[in-house]
Each structure stands twice: as structure tokens, then as C-alpha cells.
Protein backbone atom coordinates (compact mmCIF):
# COMPACT_ATOMS: atom_id res chain seq x y z
CA MET A 1 0.37 -0.17 -0.09
CA LYS A 2 2.41 2.24 1.13
CA LYS A 3 4.18 2.68 -3.11
CA ILE A 4 0.73 2.71 -3.92
CA ARG A 5 0.28 5.97 -2.33
CA ASP A 6 3.71 7.15 -3.05
CA PHE A 7 3.33 6.28 -6.87
CA LEU A 8 0.89 8.60 -6.35
CA LYS A 9 1.46 11.37 -4.80
CA GLN A 10 3.84 11.85 -7.60
CA PHE A 11 0.85 13.24 -9.28
CA PHE A 12 0.08 16.03 -6.74
CA TYR A 13 2.93 16.61 -4.74
CA ARG A 14 6.55 18.89 -5.61
CA ASN A 15 8.87 18.77 -2.57
CA GLY A 16 6.85 17.83 -0.86
CA LYS A 17 3.88 20.11 -0.46
CA LEU A 18 1.39 19.71 -2.63
CA SER A 19 1.47 22.00 -5.97
CA ALA A 20 -2.31 23.48 -6.98
CA GLY A 21 -0.50 23.22 -10.56
CA LYS A 22 0.34 19.55 -10.52
CA PHE A 23 -3.08 19.04 -8.61
CA TRP A 24 -4.44 20.57 -11.64
CA ALA A 25 -2.99 19.18 -14.57
CA THR A 26 -3.93 15.71 -13.49
CA VAL A 27 -7.30 16.41 -13.14
CA PHE A 28 -7.95 17.95 -16.28
CA SER A 29 -5.43 14.87 -17.66
CA VAL A 30 -8.18 11.94 -16.32
CA LEU A 31 -10.79 14.05 -17.93
CA PHE A 32 -9.84 14.30 -21.04
CA VAL A 33 -8.81 10.67 -21.56
CA LEU A 34 -11.76 9.66 -19.91
CA THR A 35 -14.58 11.72 -22.12
CA TYR A 36 -11.58 10.72 -25.54
CA ILE A 37 -12.18 7.85 -24.48
CA MET A 38 -15.84 7.98 -23.91
CA ARG A 39 -15.64 9.38 -27.06
CA LEU A 40 -14.36 7.14 -29.18
CA CYS A 41 -16.33 4.51 -27.89
CA GLY A 42 -19.63 5.99 -29.58
CA VAL A 43 -21.10 7.95 -26.94
CA SER A 44 -22.93 10.97 -29.24
CA HIS A 45 -23.34 13.98 -26.97
CA ILE A 46 -19.87 14.43 -26.44
CA ASP A 47 -18.51 16.53 -29.74
CA ASN A 48 -15.49 17.47 -30.74
CA ALA A 49 -15.73 20.97 -29.69
CA LEU A 50 -15.90 19.57 -26.56
CA ILE A 51 -12.74 18.03 -26.61
CA GLY A 52 -11.33 20.47 -27.62
CA LEU A 53 -12.44 22.35 -25.56
CA MET A 54 -11.28 20.06 -22.72
CA LEU A 55 -7.84 19.67 -24.74
CA GLY A 56 -7.09 23.06 -24.41
CA SER A 57 -7.85 23.98 -20.67
CA LEU A 58 -5.39 20.98 -20.20
CA ALA A 59 -2.17 22.66 -21.82
CA THR A 60 -3.16 25.87 -20.07
CA VAL A 61 -3.06 24.31 -16.75
CA ILE A 62 -0.31 22.77 -18.10
CA GLY A 63 1.34 26.10 -19.72
CA PHE A 64 0.57 28.21 -15.84
CA TYR A 65 2.56 25.35 -14.07
CA THR A 66 5.60 25.45 -15.99
CA VAL A 67 5.84 29.38 -15.92
CA ASP A 68 5.19 29.23 -11.76
CA LYS A 69 8.13 26.07 -12.20
CA ARG A 70 10.18 28.66 -13.76
CA ASN A 71 9.42 31.00 -11.89
CA ASN A 72 10.37 30.06 -8.37
CA ASN A 73 13.25 28.39 -10.20
CA ASN A 74 10.86 24.76 -8.14
CA VAL A 75 12.50 21.57 -9.87
């Protein structure tokens, strides 16, 4: 159980603290992958605009996370 917890921590923590950027990037990534899989399986009410909006949101969050990481010198 400890190995699983340590594995999952890397998606949410940076330098031992909860990182909002990593948290939201992980949440948006999971939602995007689930939505894309549903689209591929033929769910008709998920259109391409929703996929594009989710991908744009994910790119924005990752961009903010990268800029924040670079400006604060947090490795």
C-alpha cells in the first residue's frame, strides 16, 4: 500500500507540498482521457468542441504550471 501511495504522490506533490498546478493538471488529464475514450466508444453527445475545450484547458494548466515552476526555481 505504501508503494501505491508513494506512486500517486508524485502526481500531486512538489518538494513535499501539495502543488495546485500538478493537482489540476492531473485532474484535467484524467478527465480528458476518459472523455476521449467515451468519444471513441461512440457516445454521441460528446462532440469535437468539448474535446477541444478540454484539451485547451489542459494545455493552459500545464502552461501555467511550467511558468510558475520556472519563475520560482522549483525543480
